[in-house]
Amino acid sequence: MLFRYIIAHRLRPRVMSYDWFKVWGKRGFNFPSLIALAWRGWRWQRRGVTMGKMAGMGECEITGNPRFLRMGDFSLVGRASIQLMDSVTIGNSVIINDGVTILTGTHDVNDEHFQLRTKPVVIGHYAWICTRALIMPGVTIGDGGVVAAGAVVTHDVPAYSVVAGNQAKVVRVNRNQKLDYKPNLLRACYEAWVGVPYSQK
């Protein structure tokens, strides 16, 4: 799917023009990165992760069942830690930065048997989870929601709002609702093929 997409949406500069040499130079330089990303995506899918069109994952630390993780189109997950005791659903064009931790299981300290309790996590389209944020079990982050760096999220995040702190509280409620970007296409190895991603439909 990755190669089909970049071939179908590739830049087509005039052959032997300055732009043609520039584009193919960038493609050649970034080719090893392209192969590495394709291989990594294939490995995650082989493990059971559902990945949408042109979604990408870094070297995540995943515990639990990989089949519980579903990613939408063009979303990008960095070097995150994801606990899959229950489902984690990531929408389209989501950014999850390095160092983020997503939990789906916890223990009730008042339970005499200290039993595991699991709840799903849902992250809406165009959400941005910043570095070192912690998402607790059962949280839903609305479309366009932003979680600031280092925030500890224990309750749902309203759509198009920004939360920060420990425990995270809403600090802004008026994020632009006309969002149209594709985070994973910002990688240099994809940009060399499709150009500026914001113009891609």
Protein backbone atom coordinates (compact mmCIF):
# COMPACT_ATOMS: atom_id res chain seq x y z
CA MET A 1 0.00 0.00 0.00
CA LEU A 2 2.86 2.40 0.84
CA PHE A 3 4.55 2.04 -2.52
CA ARG A 4 1.25 2.14 -4.41
CA TYR A 5 0.40 5.42 -2.70
CA ILE A 6 3.69 7.21 -3.34
CA ILE A 7 3.80 6.04 -6.96
CA ALA A 8 0.22 7.17 -7.60
CA HIS A 9 0.78 10.56 -5.91
CA ARG A 10 4.37 11.13 -7.01
CA LEU A 11 5.73 14.41 -8.29
CA ARG A 12 6.26 14.35 -12.05
CA PRO A 13 8.75 17.05 -13.01
CA ARG A 14 9.74 17.41 -16.64
CA VAL A 15 12.36 14.79 -17.52
CA MET A 16 15.96 16.07 -17.41
CA SER A 17 14.88 19.41 -15.96
CA TYR A 18 16.51 20.93 -12.87
CA ASP A 19 13.54 19.84 -10.74
CA TRP A 20 13.76 16.31 -12.15
CA PHE A 21 17.39 15.95 -11.03
CA LYS A 22 16.58 17.52 -7.66
CA VAL A 23 13.61 15.22 -7.01
CA TRP A 24 15.44 12.05 -8.03
CA GLY A 25 18.48 13.08 -5.99
CA LYS A 26 16.29 13.39 -2.90
CA ARG A 27 14.60 10.08 -3.67
CA GLY A 28 17.93 8.30 -4.00
CA PHE A 29 19.31 9.85 -0.81
CA ASN A 30 16.21 8.92 1.20
CA PHE A 31 15.66 5.47 -0.33
CA PRO A 32 17.22 3.54 2.61
CA SER A 33 14.89 5.35 5.04
CA LEU A 34 11.91 4.54 2.83
CA ILE A 35 12.76 0.84 2.86
CA ALA A 36 13.31 0.87 6.64
CA LEU A 37 9.91 2.49 7.26
CA ALA A 38 8.16 0.09 4.90
CA TRP A 39 9.78 -2.87 6.67
CA ARG A 40 8.84 -1.56 10.11
CA GLY A 41 5.21 -1.03 9.08
CA TRP A 42 5.06 -4.52 7.61
CA ARG A 43 6.44 -6.01 10.83
CA TRP A 44 3.85 -4.21 13.00
CA GLN A 45 1.05 -5.37 10.74
CA ARG A 46 2.38 -8.92 10.86
CA ARG A 47 2.15 -8.70 14.66
CA GLY A 48 -1.52 -7.74 14.37
CA VAL A 49 -1.57 -3.93 14.41
CA THR A 50 -4.19 -2.46 12.05
CA MET A 51 -2.63 0.45 10.16
CA GLY A 52 -4.50 2.76 7.83
CA LYS A 53 -3.24 4.23 4.57
CA MET A 54 0.26 5.71 4.96
CA ALA A 55 0.22 5.39 8.77
CA GLY A 56 3.62 5.06 10.43
CA MET A 57 5.03 3.76 13.71
CA GLY A 58 8.40 4.23 15.33
CA GLU A 59 10.17 1.67 17.49
CA CYS A 60 7.34 1.56 20.01
CA GLU A 61 7.38 -0.42 23.23
CA ILE A 62 4.18 -2.44 23.08
CA THR A 63 2.93 -4.75 25.82
CA GLY A 64 -0.20 -6.83 25.54
CA ASN A 65 -2.02 -7.84 22.38
CA PRO A 66 -0.97 -5.89 19.24
CA ARG A 67 -4.36 -6.69 17.68
CA PHE A 68 -5.89 -4.16 20.09
CA LEU A 69 -4.13 -1.29 18.29
CA ARG A 70 -5.86 0.38 15.33
CA MET A 71 -4.40 3.39 13.51
CA GLY A 72 -6.11 5.63 10.97
CA ASP A 73 -4.77 7.06 7.72
CA PHE A 74 -1.61 9.22 7.73
CA SER A 75 -1.18 9.01 11.52
CA LEU A 76 2.29 9.02 13.04
CA VAL A 77 3.35 7.35 16.30
CA GLY A 78 6.89 7.98 17.53
CA ARG A 79 8.84 6.02 20.12
CA ALA A 80 5.85 5.65 22.40
CA SER A 81 5.01 3.09 25.07
CA ILE A 82 1.58 1.54 24.53
CA GLN A 83 -0.03 -0.94 26.92
CA LEU A 84 -2.57 -3.05 25.05
CA MET A 85 -4.61 -4.73 27.74
CA ASP A 86 -7.64 -3.22 25.98
CA SER A 87 -8.18 -1.45 22.67
CA VAL A 88 -6.39 1.72 21.57
CA THR A 89 -8.03 3.41 18.59
CA ILE A 90 -6.13 6.20 16.84
CA GLY A 91 -7.94 8.32 14.26
CA ASN A 92 -6.69 9.83 11.02
CA SER A 93 -3.80 12.33 10.90
CA VAL A 94 -2.89 11.92 14.56
CA ILE A 95 0.57 12.79 15.93
CA ILE A 96 1.87 10.89 18.96
CA ASN A 97 5.35 12.11 19.86
CA ASP A 98 8.29 10.23 21.35
CA GLY A 99 8.05 9.42 25.04
CA VAL A 100 4.25 9.25 25.21
CA THR A 101 2.75 6.50 27.38
CA ILE A 102 -0.74 5.12 26.77
CA LEU A 103 -2.22 2.83 29.43
CA THR A 104 -5.31 0.65 29.12
CA GLY A 105 -4.98 -1.30 32.37
CA THR A 106 -4.70 -0.43 36.04
CA HIS A 107 -5.45 -1.83 39.49
CA ASP A 108 -8.02 -0.71 42.04
CA VAL A 109 -6.08 -0.01 45.24
CA ASN A 110 -9.27 -0.69 47.23
CA ASP A 111 -9.80 -4.13 45.69
CA GLU A 112 -8.73 -6.80 48.17
CA HIS A 113 -7.61 -9.00 45.25
CA PHE A 114 -5.87 -6.11 43.39
CA GLN A 115 -7.47 -7.25 40.16
CA LEU A 116 -6.57 -5.80 36.78
CA ARG A 117 -9.15 -3.42 35.35
CA THR A 118 -8.97 -2.49 31.68
CA LYS A 119 -10.57 0.31 29.68
CA PRO A 120 -10.12 1.34 26.03
CA VAL A 121 -8.46 4.55 24.88
CA VAL A 122 -9.77 6.51 21.87
CA ILE A 123 -7.81 9.28 20.14
CA GLY A 124 -9.77 11.33 17.61
CA HIS A 125 -8.75 12.62 14.20
CA TYR A 126 -6.06 15.34 14.08
CA ALA A 127 -5.21 14.97 17.76
CA TRP A 128 -1.68 15.77 18.91
CA ILE A 129 -0.16 14.04 21.93
CA CYS A 130 3.06 15.79 22.87
CA THR A 131 6.29 14.41 24.33
CA ARG A 132 6.14 12.51 27.65
CA ALA A 133 2.36 12.85 28.01
CA LEU A 134 0.61 10.05 29.94
CA ILE A 135 -2.83 8.87 28.81
CA MET A 136 -4.69 6.86 31.44
CA PRO A 137 -7.17 4.00 30.82
CA GLY A 138 -10.64 4.91 29.57
CA VAL A 139 -9.70 8.34 28.19
CA THR A 140 -11.18 9.67 24.96
CA ILE A 141 -9.36 12.54 23.25
CA GLY A 142 -11.72 14.37 20.93
CA ASP A 143 -11.02 15.31 17.33
CA GLY A 144 -8.33 17.98 17.14
CA GLY A 145 -7.50 17.71 20.84
CA VAL A 146 -3.99 18.62 21.98
CA VAL A 147 -2.26 17.14 25.03
CA ALA A 148 0.68 19.27 26.14
CA ALA A 149 4.12 17.84 26.90
CA GLY A 150 4.27 16.01 30.21
CA ALA A 151 0.52 16.18 30.83
CA VAL A 152 -1.21 13.40 32.78
CA VAL A 153 -4.63 12.82 31.25
CA THR A 154 -7.16 11.11 33.50
CA HIS A 155 -10.39 12.45 31.96
CA ASP A 156 -11.75 12.92 28.45
CA VAL A 157 -10.36 15.79 26.38
CA PRO A 158 -13.00 17.88 24.56
CA ALA A 159 -12.66 18.21 20.79
CA TYR A 160 -10.38 21.03 19.55
CA SER A 161 -9.21 21.92 23.05
CA VAL A 162 -5.73 21.96 24.60
CA VAL A 163 -5.03 20.35 27.96
CA ALA A 164 -1.93 20.63 30.16
CA GLY A 165 -0.68 19.77 33.62
CA ASN A 166 -0.95 16.97 36.16
CA GLN A 167 -3.86 16.28 36.30
CA ALA A 168 -4.48 17.73 32.85
CA LYS A 169 -6.92 20.63 32.64
CA VAL A 170 -8.29 22.53 29.66
CA VAL A 171 -6.16 25.62 28.96
CA ARG A 172 -7.56 26.49 25.53
CA VAL A 173 -10.84 25.68 23.77
CA ASN A 174 -10.59 27.33 20.36
CA ARG A 175 -8.18 25.33 18.23
CA ASN A 176 -8.78 25.70 14.50
CA GLN A 177 -11.41 23.17 13.42
CA LYS A 178 -10.52 23.30 9.70
CA LEU A 179 -7.53 20.97 9.93
CA ASP A 180 -6.14 19.38 6.79
CA TYR A 181 -2.67 17.87 7.15
CA LYS A 182 -1.12 14.43 6.89
CA PRO A 183 1.59 14.05 9.53
CA ASN A 184 3.30 10.92 8.27
CA LEU A 185 3.91 12.53 4.88
CA LEU A 186 6.16 15.10 6.60
CA ARG A 187 8.92 12.47 6.68
CA ALA A 188 11.67 13.38 4.21
CA CYS A 189 11.54 10.03 2.42
CA TYR A 190 7.83 10.51 1.59
CA GLU A 191 8.11 14.22 0.84
CA ALA A 192 10.73 13.37 -1.80
CA TRP A 193 8.00 11.47 -3.67
CA VAL A 194 4.77 13.38 -3.02
CA GLY A 195 6.07 16.90 -2.36
CA VAL A 196 4.43 19.25 0.11
CA PRO A 197 1.81 17.02 1.81
CA TYR A 198 -0.74 19.75 2.49
CA SER A 199 -1.63 19.89 -1.20
CA GLN A 200 -2.28 16.14 -1.40
CA LYS A 201 -5.89 14.98 -1.45
